[in-house]
């Protein structure tokens, strides 16, 4: 009987839609690791593609029901037409929900990758600060050399806040949705602790270098005055020698 065959096709398709909804849309998903999130994205992609492939099956059932209705007595029309309408509505809703969920998860995955990218960039900058602080730890030299090191450190510290703000916003977006929250909080705590420690150390080092510059400038000034004084004495003694003045005659200069 054609009606029985059509109802069987409609029933099988309904069962598949219900199963897909339970499998991909009704379950509570928890994403605690990047692997779980990536796996969910891939699963949703496959489910979305499988649902799209079922469009051919839905079209065949639709054509079969419509052809049967066109030839069958009116009494058989209403029930079949109603079942077909329910099937089409359920199928379209399933496709829409799968597409929506896949797009959302895809954006979440992109958000996670972007967060990692910003964290990587900022940690590289922190590595540079760490190296710079080590290089200026026991710096030797005059005021000019120390000043160059201070300028170099200050240039490095003039780092825009944009990346850190992005990290904060991306992390908030993900953790608000309960996605990778433990892992993200752990990464952020580690990053923020390191950031604060290096910032504080950099400020201390800047003050230390400023004091070193001041000390070096005072030393340079004292040495310059001594050199000038020695220059005057040297000229005076040279003049005495030229005039054949005996040391006994100028006891103060002799001393």
C-alpha atoms as a PDB file:
ATOM      1  CA  UNK A   1       0.000   0.000   0.000  1.00  0.00           C
ATOM      2  CA  UNK A   2       1.429   3.365  -1.099  1.00  0.00           C
ATOM      3  CA  UNK A   3       0.102   5.206   1.983  1.00  0.00           C
ATOM      4  CA  UNK A   4       1.880   2.775   4.328  1.00  0.00           C
ATOM      5  CA  UNK A   5       5.134   3.171   2.379  1.00  0.00           C
ATOM      6  CA  UNK A   6       4.916   6.980   2.489  1.00  0.00           C
ATOM      7  CA  UNK A   7       4.127   6.989   6.198  1.00  0.00           C
ATOM      8  CA  UNK A   8       7.124   4.717   6.806  1.00  0.00           C
ATOM      9  CA  UNK A   9       9.412   7.152   4.947  1.00  0.00           C
ATOM     10  CA  UNK A  10       7.969  10.069   6.903  1.00  0.00           C
ATOM     11  CA  UNK A  11       8.376   8.206  10.201  1.00  0.00           C
ATOM     12  CA  UNK A  12      12.008   7.240   9.486  1.00  0.00           C
ATOM     13  CA  UNK A  13      12.853  10.819   8.628  1.00  0.00           C
ATOM     14  CA  UNK A  14      11.151  12.062  11.798  1.00  0.00           C
ATOM     15  CA  UNK A  15      13.162   9.550  13.836  1.00  0.00           C
ATOM     16  CA  UNK A  16      16.404  10.757  12.273  1.00  0.00           C
ATOM     17  CA  UNK A  17      15.551  14.398  13.039  1.00  0.00           C
ATOM     18  CA  UNK A  18      14.651  13.552  16.668  1.00  0.00           C
ATOM     19  CA  UNK A  19      17.881  11.579  17.083  1.00  0.00           C
ATOM     20  CA  UNK A  20      19.953  14.438  15.619  1.00  0.00           C
ATOM     21  CA  UNK A  21      18.270  16.935  17.956  1.00  0.00           C
ATOM     22  CA  UNK A  22      18.958  14.758  20.997  1.00  0.00           C
ATOM     23  CA  UNK A  23      22.552  14.088  19.937  1.00  0.00           C
ATOM     24  CA  UNK A  24      23.669  17.583  19.002  1.00  0.00           C
ATOM     25  CA  UNK A  25      21.167  20.093  20.360  1.00  0.00           C
ATOM     26  CA  UNK A  26      19.531  18.782  23.530  1.00  0.00           C
ATOM     27  CA  UNK A  27      22.652  17.502  25.324  1.00  0.00           C
ATOM     28  CA  UNK A  28      24.470  19.732  27.798  1.00  0.00           C
ATOM     29  CA  UNK A  29      27.976  20.288  26.531  1.00  0.00           C
ATOM     30  CA  UNK A  30      30.902  21.198  28.753  1.00  0.00           C
ATOM     31  CA  UNK A  31      34.142  22.353  27.209  1.00  0.00           C
ATOM     32  CA  UNK A  32      36.913  22.131  29.775  1.00  0.00           C
ATOM     33  CA  UNK A  33      39.812  21.486  27.406  1.00  0.00           C
ATOM     34  CA  UNK A  34      40.716  22.820  23.934  1.00  0.00           C
ATOM     35  CA  UNK A  35      40.522  19.239  22.599  1.00  0.00           C
ATOM     36  CA  UNK A  36      36.902  18.919  23.766  1.00  0.00           C
ATOM     37  CA  UNK A  37      36.013  22.231  22.153  1.00  0.00           C
ATOM     38  CA  UNK A  38      37.745  21.387  18.878  1.00  0.00           C
ATOM     39  CA  UNK A  39      36.084  17.965  18.803  1.00  0.00           C
ATOM     40  CA  UNK A  40      32.658  19.601  19.337  1.00  0.00           C
ATOM     41  CA  UNK A  41      33.277  22.008  16.450  1.00  0.00           C
ATOM     42  CA  UNK A  42      34.199  19.107  14.152  1.00  0.00           C
ATOM     43  CA  UNK A  43      31.168  17.065  15.266  1.00  0.00           C
ATOM     44  CA  UNK A  44      28.792  19.967  14.652  1.00  0.00           C
ATOM     45  CA  UNK A  45      30.321  20.525  11.230  1.00  0.00           C
ATOM     46  CA  UNK A  46      29.729  16.870  10.302  1.00  0.00           C
ATOM     47  CA  UNK A  47      26.169  16.986  11.681  1.00  0.00           C
ATOM     48  CA  UNK A  48      25.421  20.180   9.740  1.00  0.00           C
ATOM     49  CA  UNK A  49      26.753  18.644   6.517  1.00  0.00           C
ATOM     50  CA  UNK A  50      24.830  15.411   7.112  1.00  0.00           C
ATOM     51  CA  UNK A  51      21.607  17.388   7.660  1.00  0.00           C
ATOM     52  CA  UNK A  52      22.168  19.295   4.425  1.00  0.00           C
ATOM     53  CA  UNK A  53      22.628  15.996   2.584  1.00  0.00           C
ATOM     54  CA  UNK A  54      19.243  14.838   3.907  1.00  0.00           C
ATOM     55  CA  UNK A  55      17.656  17.623   1.860  1.00  0.00           C
ATOM     56  CA  UNK A  56      17.578  15.259  -1.128  1.00  0.00           C
ATOM     57  CA  UNK A  57      15.706  12.671   0.946  1.00  0.00           C
ATOM     58  CA  UNK A  58      13.193  15.272   2.188  1.00  0.00           C
ATOM     59  CA  UNK A  59      12.616  16.461  -1.385  1.00  0.00           C
ATOM     60  CA  UNK A  60      12.001  12.906  -2.613  1.00  0.00           C
ATOM     61  CA  UNK A  61       9.487  12.310   0.204  1.00  0.00           C
ATOM     62  CA  UNK A  62       7.799  15.649  -0.573  1.00  0.00           C
ATOM     63  CA  UNK A  63       7.526  14.805  -4.286  1.00  0.00           C
ATOM     64  CA  UNK A  64       6.217  11.309  -3.504  1.00  0.00           C
ATOM     65  CA  UNK A  65       3.556  12.622  -1.099  1.00  0.00           C
ATOM     66  CA  UNK A  66       2.472  15.364  -3.513  1.00  0.00           C
ATOM     67  CA  UNK A  67       2.260  12.914  -6.422  1.00  0.00           C
ATOM     68  CA  UNK A  68       0.217  10.515  -4.308  1.00  0.00           C
ATOM     69  CA  UNK A  69      -2.123  13.292  -3.150  1.00  0.00           C
ATOM     70  CA  UNK A  70      -2.641  14.386  -6.713  1.00  0.00           C
ATOM     71  CA  UNK A  71      -3.976  10.901  -7.614  1.00  0.00           C
ATOM     72  CA  UNK A  72      -5.441   9.660  -4.321  1.00  0.00           C
ATOM     73  CA  UNK A  73      -8.966  10.245  -3.042  1.00  0.00           C
ATOM     74  CA  UNK A  74      -9.461  13.411  -0.937  1.00  0.00           C
ATOM     75  CA  UNK A  75      -9.925  11.393   2.243  1.00  0.00           C
ATOM     76  CA  UNK A  76      -6.245  10.429   2.212  1.00  0.00           C
ATOM     77  CA  UNK A  77      -5.005  13.972   1.613  1.00  0.00           C
ATOM     78  CA  UNK A  78      -5.305  15.766   4.912  1.00  0.00           C
ATOM     79  CA  UNK A  79      -3.426  13.404   7.239  1.00  0.00           C
ATOM     80  CA  UNK A  80      -0.509  12.886   4.833  1.00  0.00           C
ATOM     81  CA  UNK A  81      -0.276  16.573   4.006  1.00  0.00           C
ATOM     82  CA  UNK A  82      -0.208  17.419   7.697  1.00  0.00           C
ATOM     83  CA  UNK A  83       2.567  14.868   8.357  1.00  0.00           C
ATOM     84  CA  UNK A  84       4.566  16.237   5.424  1.00  0.00           C
ATOM     85  CA  UNK A  85       4.204  19.824   6.667  1.00  0.00           C
ATOM     86  CA  UNK A  86       5.369  18.770  10.144  1.00  0.00           C
ATOM     87  CA  UNK A  87       8.366  16.968   8.623  1.00  0.00           C
ATOM     88  CA  UNK A  88       9.424  19.935   6.488  1.00  0.00           C
ATOM     89  CA  UNK A  89       9.070  22.339   9.423  1.00  0.00           C
ATOM     90  CA  UNK A  90      11.041  20.024  11.744  1.00  0.00           C
ATOM     91  CA  UNK A  91      13.780  19.503   9.133  1.00  0.00           C
ATOM     92  CA  UNK A  92      14.180  23.215   8.427  1.00  0.00           C
ATOM     93  CA  UNK A  93      14.262  23.993  12.144  1.00  0.00           C
ATOM     94  CA  UNK A  94      16.920  21.304  12.691  1.00  0.00           C
ATOM     95  CA  UNK A  95      19.106  22.697   9.890  1.00  0.00           C
ATOM     96  CA  UNK A  96      18.725  26.216  11.246  1.00  0.00           C
ATOM     97  CA  UNK A  97      19.619  25.195  14.798  1.00  0.00           C
ATOM     98  CA  UNK A  98      22.601  23.094  13.681  1.00  0.00           C
ATOM     99  CA  UNK A  99      23.894  25.959  11.535  1.00  0.00           C
ATOM    100  CA  UNK A 100      23.440  28.400  14.418  1.00  0.00           C
ATOM    101  CA  UNK A 101      25.182  26.188  16.948  1.00  0.00           C
ATOM    102  CA  UNK A 102      28.020  25.382  14.560  1.00  0.00           C
ATOM    103  CA  UNK A 103      28.551  29.081  13.829  1.00  0.00           C
ATOM    104  CA  UNK A 104      28.560  29.868  17.552  1.00  0.00           C
ATOM    105  CA  UNK A 105      31.075  27.127  18.355  1.00  0.00           C
ATOM    106  CA  UNK A 106      33.221  28.159  15.406  1.00  0.00           C
ATOM    107  CA  UNK A 107      33.301  31.722  16.773  1.00  0.00           C
ATOM    108  CA  UNK A 108      34.139  30.394  20.249  1.00  0.00           C
ATOM    109  CA  UNK A 109      37.026  28.352  18.813  1.00  0.00           C
ATOM    110  CA  UNK A 110      38.280  31.413  16.898  1.00  0.00           C
ATOM    111  CA  UNK A 111      37.996  33.434  20.124  1.00  0.00           C
ATOM    112  CA  UNK A 112      40.124  30.864  21.975  1.00  0.00           C
ATOM    113  CA  UNK A 113      42.782  30.851  19.219  1.00  0.00           C
ATOM    114  CA  UNK A 114      42.821  34.661  19.246  1.00  0.00           C
ATOM    115  CA  UNK A 115      43.280  34.689  23.022  1.00  0.00           C
ATOM    116  CA  UNK A 116      46.265  32.343  22.698  1.00  0.00           C
ATOM    117  CA  UNK A 117      47.730  34.575  19.990  1.00  0.00           C
ATOM    118  CA  UNK A 118      47.511  37.701  22.182  1.00  0.00           C
ATOM    119  CA  UNK A 119      48.937  35.841  25.189  1.00  0.00           C
ATOM    120  CA  UNK A 120      51.837  34.629  23.057  1.00  0.00           C
ATOM    121  CA  UNK A 121      52.573  38.159  21.815  1.00  0.00           C
ATOM    122  CA  UNK A 122      52.487  39.632  25.327  1.00  0.00           C
ATOM    123  CA  UNK A 123      54.660  36.875  26.775  1.00  0.00           C
ATOM    124  CA  UNK A 124      57.254  37.524  24.079  1.00  0.00           C
ATOM    125  CA  UNK A 125      57.261  41.181  25.139  1.00  0.00           C
ATOM    126  CA  UNK A 126      57.652  40.151  28.784  1.00  0.00           C
ATOM    127  CA  UNK A 127      60.606  37.961  27.729  1.00  0.00           C
ATOM    128  CA  UNK A 128      62.226  41.039  26.184  1.00  0.00           C
ATOM    129  CA  UNK A 129      61.726  43.003  29.410  1.00  0.00           C
ATOM    130  CA  UNK A 130      63.243  40.140  31.398  1.00  0.00           C
ATOM    131  CA  UNK A 131      66.330  40.102  29.170  1.00  0.00           C
ATOM    132  CA  UNK A 132      66.617  43.904  29.334  1.00  0.00           C
ATOM    133  CA  UNK A 133      66.413  43.859  33.159  1.00  0.00           C
ATOM    134  CA  UNK A 134      69.178  41.247  33.313  1.00  0.00           C
ATOM    135  CA  UNK A 135      71.319  43.316  30.942  1.00  0.00           C
ATOM    136  CA  UNK A 136      70.991  46.393  33.183  1.00  0.00           C
ATOM    137  CA  UNK A 137      71.400  44.531  36.466  1.00  0.00           C
ATOM    138  CA  UNK A 138      75.041  45.445  37.137  1.00  0.00           C
ATOM    139  CA  UNK A 139      75.722  47.954  34.423  1.00  0.00           C
ATOM    140  CA  UNK A 140      79.098  49.676  34.507  1.00  0.00           C
ATOM    141  CA  UNK A 141      80.143  52.858  32.767  1.00  0.00           C
ATOM    142  CA  UNK A 142      79.662  56.577  32.772  1.00  0.00           C
ATOM    143  CA  UNK A 143      76.527  58.686  32.852  1.00  0.00           C
ATOM    144  CA  UNK A 144      76.099  58.552  29.070  1.00  0.00           C
ATOM    145  CA  UNK A 145      76.241  54.765  28.859  1.00  0.00           C
ATOM    146  CA  UNK A 146      73.856  54.322  31.803  1.00  0.00           C
ATOM    147  CA  UNK A 147      71.510  56.919  30.260  1.00  0.00           C
ATOM    148  CA  UNK A 148      71.405  54.935  27.004  1.00  0.00           C
ATOM    149  CA  UNK A 149      70.421  51.795  28.943  1.00  0.00           C
ATOM    150  CA  UNK A 150      67.697  53.721  30.778  1.00  0.00           C
ATOM    151  CA  UNK A 151      66.328  55.118  27.488  1.00  0.00           C
ATOM    152  CA  UNK A 152      66.309  51.623  25.996  1.00  0.00           C
ATOM    153  CA  UNK A 153      64.373  50.240  28.976  1.00  0.00           C
ATOM    154  CA  UNK A 154      61.887  53.114  28.936  1.00  0.00           C
ATOM    155  CA  UNK A 155      61.247  52.638  25.196  1.00  0.00           C
ATOM    156  CA  UNK A 156      60.516  48.975  25.817  1.00  0.00           C
ATOM    157  CA  UNK A 157      58.154  49.843  28.660  1.00  0.00           C
ATOM    158  CA  UNK A 158      56.142  52.216  26.440  1.00  0.00           C
ATOM    159  CA  UNK A 159      54.100  49.225  25.317  1.00  0.00           C
ATOM    160  CA  UNK A 160      50.452  49.794  24.335  1.00  0.00           C
ATOM    161  CA  UNK A 161      47.726  48.359  26.572  1.00  0.00           C
ATOM    162  CA  UNK A 162      45.717  47.156  23.544  1.00  0.00           C
ATOM    163  CA  UNK A 163      46.857  43.525  23.707  1.00  0.00           C
ATOM    164  CA  UNK A 164      46.248  43.242  27.435  1.00  0.00           C
ATOM    165  CA  UNK A 165      42.769  44.727  27.037  1.00  0.00           C
ATOM    166  CA  UNK A 166      42.025  42.216  24.257  1.00  0.00           C
ATOM    167  CA  UNK A 167      43.193  39.357  26.485  1.00  0.00           C
ATOM    168  CA  UNK A 168      40.889  40.547  29.258  1.00  0.00           C
ATOM    169  CA  UNK A 169      37.868  40.902  26.946  1.00  0.00           C
ATOM    170  CA  UNK A 170      38.364  37.591  25.124  1.00  0.00           C
ATOM    171  CA  UNK A 171      38.868  35.715  28.392  1.00  0.00           C
ATOM    172  CA  UNK A 172      35.733  37.320  29.855  1.00  0.00           C
ATOM    173  CA  UNK A 173      33.693  36.350  26.783  1.00  0.00           C
ATOM    174  CA  UNK A 174      34.760  32.704  27.019  1.00  0.00           C
ATOM    175  CA  UNK A 175      34.520  32.284  30.785  1.00  0.00           C
ATOM    176  CA  UNK A 176      31.098  33.971  30.892  1.00  0.00           C
ATOM    177  CA  UNK A 177      29.924  31.099  28.705  1.00  0.00           C
ATOM    178  CA  UNK A 178      31.578  28.548  30.988  1.00  0.00           C
ATOM    179  CA  UNK A 179      34.009  27.591  28.223  1.00  0.00           C
ATOM    180  CA  UNK A 180      37.546  26.542  29.177  1.00  0.00           C
ATOM    181  CA  UNK A 181      37.064  28.676  32.291  1.00  0.00           C
ATOM    182  CA  UNK A 182      39.478  26.786  34.562  1.00  0.00           C
ATOM    183  CA  UNK A 183      42.232  26.702  31.945  1.00  0.00           C
ATOM    184  CA  UNK A 184      41.757  30.365  31.008  1.00  0.00           C
ATOM    185  CA  UNK A 185      41.732  31.519  34.647  1.00  0.00           C
ATOM    186  CA  UNK A 186      44.939  29.572  35.240  1.00  0.00           C
ATOM    187  CA  UNK A 187      46.636  31.093  32.186  1.00  0.00           C
ATOM    188  CA  UNK A 188      45.465  34.606  33.078  1.00  0.00           C
ATOM    189  CA  UNK A 189      46.598  34.337  36.687  1.00  0.00           C
ATOM    190  CA  UNK A 190      50.055  33.216  35.559  1.00  0.00           C
ATOM    191  CA  UNK A 191      50.283  35.960  32.925  1.00  0.00           C
ATOM    192  CA  UNK A 192      49.015  38.760  35.199  1.00  0.00           C
ATOM    193  CA  UNK A 193      51.345  37.728  38.036  1.00  0.00           C
ATOM    194  CA  UNK A 194      54.337  37.761  35.716  1.00  0.00           C
ATOM    195  CA  UNK A 195      53.221  41.054  34.161  1.00  0.00           C
ATOM    196  CA  UNK A 196      52.888  42.760  37.579  1.00  0.00           C
ATOM    197  CA  UNK A 197      56.212  41.419  38.848  1.00  0.00           C
ATOM    198  CA  UNK A 198      58.153  42.554  35.782  1.00  0.00           C
ATOM    199  CA  UNK A 199      56.415  45.934  35.770  1.00  0.00           C
ATOM    200  CA  UNK A 200      57.383  46.528  39.403  1.00  0.00           C
ATOM    201  CA  UNK A 201      60.948  45.345  38.786  1.00  0.00           C
ATOM    202  CA  UNK A 202      61.195  47.628  35.740  1.00  0.00           C
ATOM    203  CA  UNK A 203      60.061  50.640  37.796  1.00  0.00           C
ATOM    204  CA  UNK A 204      62.653  49.818  40.477  1.00  0.00           C
ATOM    205  CA  UNK A 205      65.344  49.424  37.826  1.00  0.00           C
ATOM    206  CA  UNK A 206      64.431  52.755  36.226  1.00  0.00           C
ATOM    207  CA  UNK A 207      64.820  54.527  39.585  1.00  0.00           C
ATOM    208  CA  UNK A 208      68.094  52.722  40.212  1.00  0.00           C
ATOM    209  CA  UNK A 209      69.453  53.729  36.805  1.00  0.00           C
ATOM    210  CA  UNK A 210      68.365  57.342  37.372  1.00  0.00           C
ATOM    211  CA  UNK A 211      70.284  57.363  40.672  1.00  0.00           C
ATOM    212  CA  UNK A 212      73.295  55.776  38.969  1.00  0.00           C
ATOM    213  CA  UNK A 213      73.216  58.479  36.299  1.00  0.00           C
ATOM    214  CA  UNK A 214      73.110  61.187  38.977  1.00  0.00           C
ATOM    215  CA  UNK A 215      76.050  59.597  40.838  1.00  0.00           C
ATOM    216  CA  UNK A 216      78.010  59.200  37.628  1.00  0.00           C
ATOM    217  CA  UNK A 217      77.344  62.817  36.687  1.00  0.00           C
ATOM    218  CA  UNK A 218      78.569  63.986  40.110  1.00  0.00           C
ATOM    219  CA  UNK A 219      81.679  61.812  39.760  1.00  0.00           C
ATOM    220  CA  UNK A 220      82.301  63.159  36.259  1.00  0.00           C
ATOM    221  CA  UNK A 221      81.944  66.723  37.566  1.00  0.00           C
ATOM    222  CA  UNK A 222      84.376  66.080  40.433  1.00  0.00           C
ATOM    223  CA  UNK A 223      86.903  64.483  38.067  1.00  0.00           C
ATOM    224  CA  UNK A 224      86.582  67.397  35.695  1.00  0.00           C
ATOM    225  CA  UNK A 225      87.245  69.903  38.501  1.00  0.00           C
ATOM    226  CA  UNK A 226      90.260  67.882  39.630  1.00  0.00           C
ATOM    227  CA  UNK A 227      91.558  67.753  36.065  1.00  0.00           C
ATOM    228  CA  UNK A 228      91.094  71.503  35.705  1.00  0.00           C
ATOM    229  CA  UNK A 229      92.901  72.095  39.019  1.00  0.00           C
ATOM    230  CA  UNK A 230      95.735  69.786  38.018  1.00  0.00           C
ATOM    231  CA  UNK A 231      95.964  71.601  34.702  1.00  0.00           C
ATOM    232  CA  UNK A 232      96.431  74.962  36.477  1.00  0.00           C
ATOM    233  CA  UNK A 233      99.065  73.502  38.830  1.00  0.00           C
ATOM    234  CA  UNK A 234     100.833  71.857  35.903  1.00  0.00           C
ATOM    235  CA  UNK A 235     101.055  75.179  34.057  1.00  0.00           C
ATOM    236  CA  UNK A 236     102.337  76.927  37.197  1.00  0.00           C
ATOM    237  CA  UNK A 237     105.002  74.303  37.844  1.00  0.00           C
ATOM    238  CA  UNK A 238     106.004  74.310  34.185  1.00  0.00           C
ATOM    239  CA  UNK A 239     106.442  78.097  34.395  1.00  0.00           C
ATOM    240  CA  UNK A 240     108.617  77.717  37.537  1.00  0.00           C
ATOM    241  CA  UNK A 241     110.802  75.190  35.785  1.00  0.00           C
ATOM    242  CA  UNK A 242     111.144  77.476  32.792  1.00  0.00           C
ATOM    243  CA  UNK A 243     112.173  80.345  35.097  1.00  0.00           C
ATOM    244  CA  UNK A 244     114.547  78.036  37.013  1.00  0.00           C
ATOM    245  CA  UNK A 245     112.737  78.723  40.275  1.00  0.00           C
ATOM    246  CA  UNK A 246     113.951  76.424  43.071  1.00  0.00           C
ATOM    247  CA  UNK A 247     111.414  74.412  45.093  1.00  0.00           C
ATOM    248  CA  UNK A 248     112.776  75.887  48.303  1.00  0.00           C
ATOM    249  CA  UNK A 249     111.652  79.281  47.121  1.00  0.00           C
ATOM    250  CA  UNK A 250     108.023  78.189  46.724  1.00  0.00           C
ATOM    251  CA  UNK A 251     107.341  75.772  49.614  1.00  0.00           C
ATOM    252  CA  UNK A 252     103.518  75.864  49.199  1.00  0.00           C
ATOM    253  CA  UNK A 253     103.600  74.795  45.539  1.00  0.00           C
ATOM    254  CA  UNK A 254     106.354  72.298  46.349  1.00  0.00           C
ATOM    255  CA  UNK A 255     104.021  70.607  48.821  1.00  0.00           C
END
